[in-house]
Amino acid sequence: MDIMAHRGNSAYCPENTMASFRGAVEAAADFIELDVRLSKDGIPVVCHDATIKRTSNGKAFIHELTVDELKKYDFGSWFSSDFKGERIPTFEEVLQLVQHEPIRLNIETKNGPDMPMNLEVNTLELVYKYNMQDRVMYSSFDHFSLKRLYELDQSAKIGFIFHMNLINLFDYIANTGVPTYSIHPNHFYITEDMITKAHQRGIKVNAYTVNNRQWAEQYRNMGVDGLITNFPAEMKAL
């Protein structure tokens, strides 16, 4: 079962920062899961929320600020004074960090309220620049974004994230016309029947976000392929 460090080693470091990603590498996670958005000047940066209010000392929307403007804010102090001065990473900085490390990336594309049509191509270009295409997968709640990714690169590994418990889940997936590498359901919707049907179709099941060891062991025993967690070292030790 692959262990995917949710926004990095986020139980111990401010999420989606270089400190958190270094922590995930040190924890020997199989994947780093991270969130990519576009800045005002079209640069992929790593942040979960549409605004920087929760995870920095600023308030603006990501898409309203250039990278240079975003880099002025402190993305570490909200978590702990030990991380004072952490800056928002660009996606390229993350690729530079991990390109020579034995770790893969689960890249979640994020949209809203701004809906840029160049997020996917700008992200893909960087993945190819660093020759990481065989070590990444793409996931999103925005399934139009996933379709754009597939249309740009038919070899891309595509993962559909689901927060809701869909009726006829696999009919929905088939209807998208996008060959599916994985599904990422909210973990409490996962059943043995879902896992069986996914595996029959060659689709992996990655559960989010599991921070309880008992649940993690339960999902492993059920046959879940990947676990997205804030505690990668602990889950690697199971």
C-alpha atoms as a PDB file:
ATOM      1  CA  MET A   1       0.000   0.000   0.000  1.00  0.00           C
ATOM      2  CA  ASP A   2       1.484   3.325  -1.090  1.00  0.00           C
ATOM      3  CA  ILE A   3       1.722   6.010   1.576  1.00  0.00           C
ATOM      4  CA  MET A   4       0.975   9.487   0.233  1.00  0.00           C
ATOM      5  CA  ALA A   5       2.049  12.409   2.406  1.00  0.00           C
ATOM      6  CA  HIS A   6      -0.944  14.753   2.432  1.00  0.00           C
ATOM      7  CA  ARG A   7       0.338  18.257   1.661  1.00  0.00           C
ATOM      8  CA  GLY A   8       3.688  16.874   2.762  1.00  0.00           C
ATOM      9  CA  ASN A   9       4.516  15.879   6.326  1.00  0.00           C
ATOM     10  CA  SER A  10       1.656  18.100   7.396  1.00  0.00           C
ATOM     11  CA  ALA A  11       1.130  16.791  10.939  1.00  0.00           C
ATOM     12  CA  TYR A  12       4.541  18.179  11.855  1.00  0.00           C
ATOM     13  CA  CYS A  13       5.170  20.999   9.368  1.00  0.00           C
ATOM     14  CA  PRO A  14       3.079  23.763   7.798  1.00  0.00           C
ATOM     15  CA  GLU A  15       1.222  22.180   4.906  1.00  0.00           C
ATOM     16  CA  ASN A  16       2.337  22.590   1.298  1.00  0.00           C
ATOM     17  CA  THR A  17       5.697  24.153   2.217  1.00  0.00           C
ATOM     18  CA  MET A  18       9.206  23.081   1.339  1.00  0.00           C
ATOM     19  CA  ALA A  19       9.735  22.107   4.993  1.00  0.00           C
ATOM     20  CA  SER A  20       6.720  19.809   4.777  1.00  0.00           C
ATOM     21  CA  PHE A  21       7.922  18.264   1.525  1.00  0.00           C
ATOM     22  CA  ARG A  22      11.421  17.691   2.908  1.00  0.00           C
ATOM     23  CA  GLY A  23       9.757  16.029   5.881  1.00  0.00           C
ATOM     24  CA  ALA A  24       7.830  13.703   3.565  1.00  0.00           C
ATOM     25  CA  VAL A  25      11.064  12.687   1.838  1.00  0.00           C
ATOM     26  CA  GLU A  26      12.696  12.040   5.228  1.00  0.00           C
ATOM     27  CA  ALA A  27       9.652   9.976   6.273  1.00  0.00           C
ATOM     28  CA  ALA A  28      10.222   7.758   3.197  1.00  0.00           C
ATOM     29  CA  ALA A  29       6.715   8.406   1.884  1.00  0.00           C
ATOM     30  CA  ASP A  30       5.971   6.821  -1.478  1.00  0.00           C
ATOM     31  CA  PHE A  31       4.227   9.956  -2.746  1.00  0.00           C
ATOM     32  CA  ILE A  32       3.866  13.610  -1.853  1.00  0.00           C
ATOM     33  CA  GLU A  33       0.308  14.826  -2.376  1.00  0.00           C
ATOM     34  CA  LEU A  34       0.231  18.557  -3.111  1.00  0.00           C
ATOM     35  CA  ASP A  35      -2.125  21.232  -4.455  1.00  0.00           C
ATOM     36  CA  VAL A  36      -1.330  23.379  -7.485  1.00  0.00           C
ATOM     37  CA  ARG A  37      -2.941  26.696  -8.411  1.00  0.00           C
ATOM     38  CA  LEU A  38      -1.987  29.484 -10.787  1.00  0.00           C
ATOM     39  CA  SER A  39      -0.687  32.854  -9.601  1.00  0.00           C
ATOM     40  CA  LYS A  40      -1.734  36.091 -11.277  1.00  0.00           C
ATOM     41  CA  ASP A  41       1.242  35.791 -13.627  1.00  0.00           C
ATOM     42  CA  GLY A  42       0.383  32.216 -14.608  1.00  0.00           C
ATOM     43  CA  ILE A  43       2.972  30.416 -12.467  1.00  0.00           C
ATOM     44  CA  PRO A  44       1.915  27.140 -10.792  1.00  0.00           C
ATOM     45  CA  VAL A  45       2.267  27.578  -7.038  1.00  0.00           C
ATOM     46  CA  VAL A  46       1.488  25.163  -4.227  1.00  0.00           C
ATOM     47  CA  CYS A  47      -1.428  26.067  -1.963  1.00  0.00           C
ATOM     48  CA  HIS A  48      -4.625  24.261  -1.028  1.00  0.00           C
ATOM     49  CA  ASP A  49      -6.984  27.172  -0.473  1.00  0.00           C
ATOM     50  CA  ALA A  50      -8.095  29.781  -2.990  1.00  0.00           C
ATOM     51  CA  THR A  51      -6.835  32.475  -0.595  1.00  0.00           C
ATOM     52  CA  ILE A  52      -3.698  32.683   1.521  1.00  0.00           C
ATOM     53  CA  LYS A  53      -5.637  33.739   4.633  1.00  0.00           C
ATOM     54  CA  ARG A  54      -5.568  30.413   6.520  1.00  0.00           C
ATOM     55  CA  THR A  55      -1.935  29.489   5.904  1.00  0.00           C
ATOM     56  CA  SER A  56      -0.109  32.845   5.859  1.00  0.00           C
ATOM     57  CA  ASN A  57      -0.139  36.360   7.242  1.00  0.00           C
ATOM     58  CA  GLY A  58      -1.914  37.612   4.114  1.00  0.00           C
ATOM     59  CA  LYS A  59      -5.520  37.564   2.927  1.00  0.00           C
ATOM     60  CA  ALA A  60      -5.657  37.800  -0.869  1.00  0.00           C
ATOM     61  CA  PHE A  61      -6.702  35.265  -3.457  1.00  0.00           C
ATOM     62  CA  ILE A  62      -3.840  33.328  -5.066  1.00  0.00           C
ATOM     63  CA  HIS A  63      -4.940  34.421  -8.532  1.00  0.00           C
ATOM     64  CA  GLU A  64      -4.824  38.104  -7.521  1.00  0.00           C
ATOM     65  CA  LEU A  65      -1.091  38.054  -6.682  1.00  0.00           C
ATOM     66  CA  THR A  66       2.049  37.478  -8.722  1.00  0.00           C
ATOM     67  CA  VAL A  67       4.655  35.006  -7.486  1.00  0.00           C
ATOM     68  CA  ASP A  68       6.858  37.878  -6.305  1.00  0.00           C
ATOM     69  CA  GLU A  69       3.945  39.265  -4.304  1.00  0.00           C
ATOM     70  CA  LEU A  70       3.048  35.844  -2.873  1.00  0.00           C
ATOM     71  CA  LYS A  71       6.658  35.285  -1.793  1.00  0.00           C
ATOM     72  CA  LYS A  72       6.453  38.305   0.544  1.00  0.00           C
ATOM     73  CA  TYR A  73       4.123  36.469   2.923  1.00  0.00           C
ATOM     74  CA  ASP A  74       5.034  34.148   5.796  1.00  0.00           C
ATOM     75  CA  PHE A  75       3.534  30.665   5.290  1.00  0.00           C
ATOM     76  CA  GLY A  76       5.071  29.075   8.396  1.00  0.00           C
ATOM     77  CA  SER A  77       4.356  31.115  11.518  1.00  0.00           C
ATOM     78  CA  TRP A  78       0.658  30.173  11.644  1.00  0.00           C
ATOM     79  CA  PHE A  79       1.786  26.613  12.347  1.00  0.00           C
ATOM     80  CA  SER A  80       4.734  27.263  14.664  1.00  0.00           C
ATOM     81  CA  SER A  81       7.341  29.939  15.268  1.00  0.00           C
ATOM     82  CA  ASP A  82       9.906  27.258  14.325  1.00  0.00           C
ATOM     83  CA  PHE A  83       8.772  27.711  10.714  1.00  0.00           C
ATOM     84  CA  LYS A  84       8.754  31.500  10.632  1.00  0.00           C
ATOM     85  CA  GLY A  85       9.732  32.740   7.190  1.00  0.00           C
ATOM     86  CA  GLU A  86       8.545  29.733   5.164  1.00  0.00           C
ATOM     87  CA  ARG A  87       7.435  30.965   1.757  1.00  0.00           C
ATOM     88  CA  ILE A  88       4.871  29.630  -0.665  1.00  0.00           C
ATOM     89  CA  PRO A  89       6.628  27.168  -2.993  1.00  0.00           C
ATOM     90  CA  THR A  90       6.353  27.301  -6.719  1.00  0.00           C
ATOM     91  CA  PHE A  91       5.622  23.934  -8.268  1.00  0.00           C
ATOM     92  CA  GLU A  92       8.970  24.154 -10.029  1.00  0.00           C
ATOM     93  CA  GLU A  93      10.770  24.460  -6.693  1.00  0.00           C
ATOM     94  CA  VAL A  94       9.105  21.242  -5.537  1.00  0.00           C
ATOM     95  CA  LEU A  95      10.168  19.440  -8.706  1.00  0.00           C
ATOM     96  CA  GLN A  96      13.733  20.635  -8.132  1.00  0.00           C
ATOM     97  CA  LEU A  97      13.592  19.249  -4.595  1.00  0.00           C
ATOM     98  CA  VAL A  98      12.314  15.785  -5.483  1.00  0.00           C
ATOM     99  CA  GLN A  99      13.751  15.126  -8.934  1.00  0.00           C
ATOM    100  CA  HIS A 100      16.664  13.114  -7.504  1.00  0.00           C
ATOM    101  CA  GLU A 101      14.760  11.636  -4.543  1.00  0.00           C
ATOM    102  CA  PRO A 102      13.017   8.229  -4.513  1.00  0.00           C
ATOM    103  CA  ILE A 103       9.549   9.721  -4.211  1.00  0.00           C
ATOM    104  CA  ARG A 104       6.632  10.338  -6.562  1.00  0.00           C
ATOM    105  CA  LEU A 105       4.043  13.109  -6.757  1.00  0.00           C
ATOM    106  CA  ASN A 106       0.266  13.139  -6.573  1.00  0.00           C
ATOM    107  CA  ILE A 107      -0.496  16.536  -8.113  1.00  0.00           C
ATOM    108  CA  GLU A 108      -3.958  17.853  -7.277  1.00  0.00           C
ATOM    109  CA  THR A 109      -5.075  20.641  -9.600  1.00  0.00           C
ATOM    110  CA  LYS A 110      -7.167  23.289  -7.860  1.00  0.00           C
ATOM    111  CA  ASN A 111      -9.559  25.811  -9.400  1.00  0.00           C
ATOM    112  CA  GLY A 112     -12.055  28.349  -8.126  1.00  0.00           C
ATOM    113  CA  PRO A 113     -13.235  30.980  -7.840  1.00  0.00           C
ATOM    114  CA  ASP A 114     -10.947  31.767 -10.780  1.00  0.00           C
ATOM    115  CA  MET A 115     -11.083  29.052 -13.470  1.00  0.00           C
ATOM    116  CA  PRO A 116      -7.919  29.404 -15.563  1.00  0.00           C
ATOM    117  CA  MET A 117      -7.728  27.275 -18.688  1.00  0.00           C
ATOM    118  CA  ASN A 118      -3.909  27.149 -18.640  1.00  0.00           C
ATOM    119  CA  LEU A 119      -3.330  25.545 -15.236  1.00  0.00           C
ATOM    120  CA  GLU A 120      -3.008  22.082 -16.734  1.00  0.00           C
ATOM    121  CA  VAL A 121      -0.682  22.944 -19.608  1.00  0.00           C
ATOM    122  CA  ASN A 122       1.569  25.078 -17.402  1.00  0.00           C
ATOM    123  CA  THR A 123       1.806  22.251 -14.870  1.00  0.00           C
ATOM    124  CA  LEU A 124       2.482  19.596 -17.513  1.00  0.00           C
ATOM    125  CA  GLU A 125       5.230  21.689 -19.095  1.00  0.00           C
ATOM    126  CA  LEU A 126       7.111  21.776 -15.795  1.00  0.00           C
ATOM    127  CA  VAL A 127       6.673  18.038 -15.248  1.00  0.00           C
ATOM    128  CA  TYR A 128       8.224  17.380 -18.642  1.00  0.00           C
ATOM    129  CA  LYS A 129      10.949  19.984 -18.104  1.00  0.00           C
ATOM    130  CA  TYR A 130      12.186  17.934 -15.140  1.00  0.00           C
ATOM    131  CA  ASN A 131      11.535  14.579 -16.817  1.00  0.00           C
ATOM    132  CA  MET A 132       9.123  13.588 -14.048  1.00  0.00           C
ATOM    133  CA  GLN A 133       6.260  12.357 -16.230  1.00  0.00           C
ATOM    134  CA  ASP A 134       6.755   8.717 -15.202  1.00  0.00           C
ATOM    135  CA  ARG A 135       6.763   9.642 -11.505  1.00  0.00           C
ATOM    136  CA  VAL A 136       3.611  11.720 -11.246  1.00  0.00           C
ATOM    137  CA  MET A 137      -0.120  11.264 -11.202  1.00  0.00           C
ATOM    138  CA  TYR A 138      -2.801  13.938 -11.414  1.00  0.00           C
ATOM    139  CA  SER A 139      -5.923  14.156  -9.283  1.00  0.00           C
ATOM    140  CA  SER A 140      -8.717  16.657  -8.832  1.00  0.00           C
ATOM    141  CA  PHE A 141     -12.252  17.296  -7.645  1.00  0.00           C
ATOM    142  CA  ASP A 142     -12.536  19.301 -10.880  1.00  0.00           C
ATOM    143  CA  HIS A 143     -13.096  16.543 -13.401  1.00  0.00           C
ATOM    144  CA  PHE A 144     -13.036  19.011 -16.298  1.00  0.00           C
ATOM    145  CA  SER A 145      -9.461  19.752 -15.249  1.00  0.00           C
ATOM    146  CA  LEU A 146      -8.654  16.045 -15.441  1.00  0.00           C
ATOM    147  CA  LYS A 147     -10.205  15.838 -18.887  1.00  0.00           C
ATOM    148  CA  ARG A 148      -8.062  18.752 -20.049  1.00  0.00           C
ATOM    149  CA  LEU A 149      -4.982  17.013 -18.660  1.00  0.00           C
ATOM    150  CA  TYR A 150      -5.808  13.830 -20.537  1.00  0.00           C
ATOM    151  CA  GLU A 151      -6.435  15.727 -23.774  1.00  0.00           C
ATOM    152  CA  LEU A 152      -3.027  17.384 -23.411  1.00  0.00           C
ATOM    153  CA  ASP A 153      -1.217  14.154 -22.510  1.00  0.00           C
ATOM    154  CA  GLN A 154      -2.841  10.781 -23.169  1.00  0.00           C
ATOM    155  CA  SER A 155      -0.129   9.072 -21.104  1.00  0.00           C
ATOM    156  CA  ALA A 156      -0.988  11.037 -17.945  1.00  0.00           C
ATOM    157  CA  LYS A 157      -2.092   8.994 -14.918  1.00  0.00           C
ATOM    158  CA  ILE A 158      -5.492  10.412 -13.982  1.00  0.00           C
ATOM    159  CA  GLY A 159      -7.129  10.090 -10.557  1.00  0.00           C
ATOM    160  CA  PHE A 160     -10.720  11.158  -9.885  1.00  0.00           C
ATOM    161  CA  ILE A 161     -11.330  12.518  -6.377  1.00  0.00           C
ATOM    162  CA  PHE A 162     -14.819  12.016  -4.930  1.00  0.00           C
ATOM    163  CA  HIS A 163     -16.146  13.725  -1.842  1.00  0.00           C
ATOM    164  CA  MET A 164     -19.657  12.341  -2.387  1.00  0.00           C
ATOM    165  CA  ASN A 165     -20.905   8.753  -2.484  1.00  0.00           C
ATOM    166  CA  LEU A 166     -21.946   8.422  -6.131  1.00  0.00           C
ATOM    167  CA  ILE A 167     -24.610   6.078  -7.472  1.00  0.00           C
ATOM    168  CA  ASN A 168     -23.195   4.005 -10.350  1.00  0.00           C
ATOM    169  CA  LEU A 169     -19.692   5.343  -9.723  1.00  0.00           C
ATOM    170  CA  PHE A 170     -18.029   3.293 -12.452  1.00  0.00           C
ATOM    171  CA  ASP A 171     -20.666   4.223 -15.023  1.00  0.00           C
ATOM    172  CA  TYR A 172     -19.876   7.846 -14.254  1.00  0.00           C
ATOM    173  CA  ILE A 173     -16.145   7.251 -14.722  1.00  0.00           C
ATOM    174  CA  ALA A 174     -16.685   5.394 -17.995  1.00  0.00           C
ATOM    175  CA  ASN A 175     -18.909   8.249 -19.216  1.00  0.00           C
ATOM    176  CA  THR A 176     -16.104  10.795 -18.822  1.00  0.00           C
ATOM    177  CA  GLY A 177     -14.157   9.212 -21.667  1.00  0.00           C
ATOM    178  CA  VAL A 178     -10.967   9.574 -19.625  1.00  0.00           C
ATOM    179  CA  PRO A 179      -8.920   6.402 -19.056  1.00  0.00           C
ATOM    180  CA  THR A 180      -8.694   6.251 -15.279  1.00  0.00           C
ATOM    181  CA  TYR A 181      -5.578   5.311 -13.322  1.00  0.00           C
ATOM    182  CA  SER A 182      -7.130   5.684  -9.866  1.00  0.00           C
ATOM    183  CA  ILE A 183     -10.048   6.865  -7.798  1.00  0.00           C
ATOM    184  CA  HIS A 184      -9.610   8.806  -4.567  1.00  0.00           C
ATOM    185  CA  PRO A 185     -12.773   8.469  -2.472  1.00  0.00           C
ATOM    186  CA  ASN A 186     -13.299  10.015   0.926  1.00  0.00           C
ATOM    187  CA  HIS A 187     -12.220   7.038   3.003  1.00  0.00           C
ATOM    188  CA  PHE A 188     -15.499   6.413   4.828  1.00  0.00           C
ATOM    189  CA  TYR A 189     -17.253   5.661   1.520  1.00  0.00           C
ATOM    190  CA  ILE A 190     -14.868   2.837   0.626  1.00  0.00           C
ATOM    191  CA  THR A 191     -16.294  -0.683   0.589  1.00  0.00           C
ATOM    192  CA  GLU A 192     -14.910  -4.040  -0.410  1.00  0.00           C
ATOM    193  CA  ASP A 193     -17.336  -4.033  -3.347  1.00  0.00           C
ATOM    194  CA  MET A 194     -15.943  -0.688  -4.563  1.00  0.00           C
ATOM    195  CA  ILE A 195     -12.388  -1.996  -4.344  1.00  0.00           C
ATOM    196  CA  THR A 196     -13.291  -5.212  -6.166  1.00  0.00           C
ATOM    197  CA  LYS A 197     -15.057  -3.360  -8.986  1.00  0.00           C
ATOM    198  CA  ALA A 198     -12.181  -0.895  -9.315  1.00  0.00           C
ATOM    199  CA  HIS A 199      -9.574  -3.635  -9.495  1.00  0.00           C
ATOM    200  CA  GLN A 200     -11.622  -5.548 -12.057  1.00  0.00           C
ATOM    201  CA  ARG A 201     -11.313  -2.447 -14.242  1.00  0.00           C
ATOM    202  CA  GLY A 202      -7.605  -1.963 -13.563  1.00  0.00           C
ATOM    203  CA  ILE A 203      -8.268   1.102 -11.401  1.00  0.00           C
ATOM    204  CA  LYS A 204      -6.377   1.766  -8.164  1.00  0.00           C
ATOM    205  CA  VAL A 205      -8.147   2.973  -5.007  1.00  0.00           C
ATOM    206  CA  ASN A 206      -6.431   5.674  -2.946  1.00  0.00           C
ATOM    207  CA  ALA A 207      -8.191   6.651   0.281  1.00  0.00           C
ATOM    208  CA  TYR A 208      -8.156  10.174   1.715  1.00  0.00           C
ATOM    209  CA  THR A 209      -7.453  11.415   4.424  1.00  0.00           C
ATOM    210  CA  VAL A 210      -6.603   8.626   6.879  1.00  0.00           C
ATOM    211  CA  ASN A 211      -4.787   9.574  10.093  1.00  0.00           C
ATOM    212  CA  ASN A 212      -6.010   6.734  12.324  1.00  0.00           C
ATOM    213  CA  ARG A 213      -3.794   3.622  12.502  1.00  0.00           C
ATOM    214  CA  GLN A 214      -6.705   1.227  13.018  1.00  0.00           C
ATOM    215  CA  TRP A 215      -8.508   2.551   9.984  1.00  0.00           C
ATOM    216  CA  ALA A 216      -5.283   2.426   7.995  1.00  0.00           C
ATOM    217  CA  GLU A 217      -4.801  -1.235   8.851  1.00  0.00           C
ATOM    218  CA  GLN A 218      -8.440  -1.929   7.967  1.00  0.00           C
ATOM    219  CA  TYR A 219      -8.097  -0.314   4.532  1.00  0.00           C
ATOM    220  CA  ARG A 220      -4.825  -2.111   3.879  1.00  0.00           C
ATOM    221  CA  ASN A 221      -6.486  -5.426   4.694  1.00  0.00           C
ATOM    222  CA  MET A 222      -9.384  -4.534   2.382  1.00  0.00           C
ATOM    223  CA  GLY A 223      -6.946  -4.051  -0.493  1.00  0.00           C
ATOM    224  CA  VAL A 224      -6.736  -0.266  -0.768  1.00  0.00           C
ATOM    225  CA  ASP A 225      -3.790   0.683  -2.996  1.00  0.00           C
ATOM    226  CA  GLY A 226      -2.844   4.018  -1.489  1.00  0.00           C
ATOM    227  CA  LEU A 227      -3.368   5.938   1.733  1.00  0.00           C
ATOM    228  CA  ILE A 228      -3.332   9.736   1.802  1.00  0.00           C
ATOM    229  CA  THR A 229      -2.291  10.790   5.318  1.00  0.00           C
ATOM    230  CA  ASN A 230      -0.853  13.615   7.413  1.00  0.00           C
ATOM    231  CA  PHE A 231       1.332  11.053   9.226  1.00  0.00           C
ATOM    232  CA  PRO A 232       3.457   9.343   6.552  1.00  0.00           C
ATOM    233  CA  ALA A 233       6.184   7.982   8.848  1.00  0.00           C
ATOM    234  CA  GLU A 234       3.676   6.390  11.201  1.00  0.00           C
ATOM    235  CA  MET A 235       1.711   4.832   8.350  1.00  0.00           C
ATOM    236  CA  LYS A 236       4.892   3.526   6.708  1.00  0.00           C
ATOM    237  CA  ALA A 237       5.612   1.715   9.984  1.00  0.00           C
ATOM    238  CA  LEU A 238       2.357  -0.292   9.936  1.00  0.00           C
END
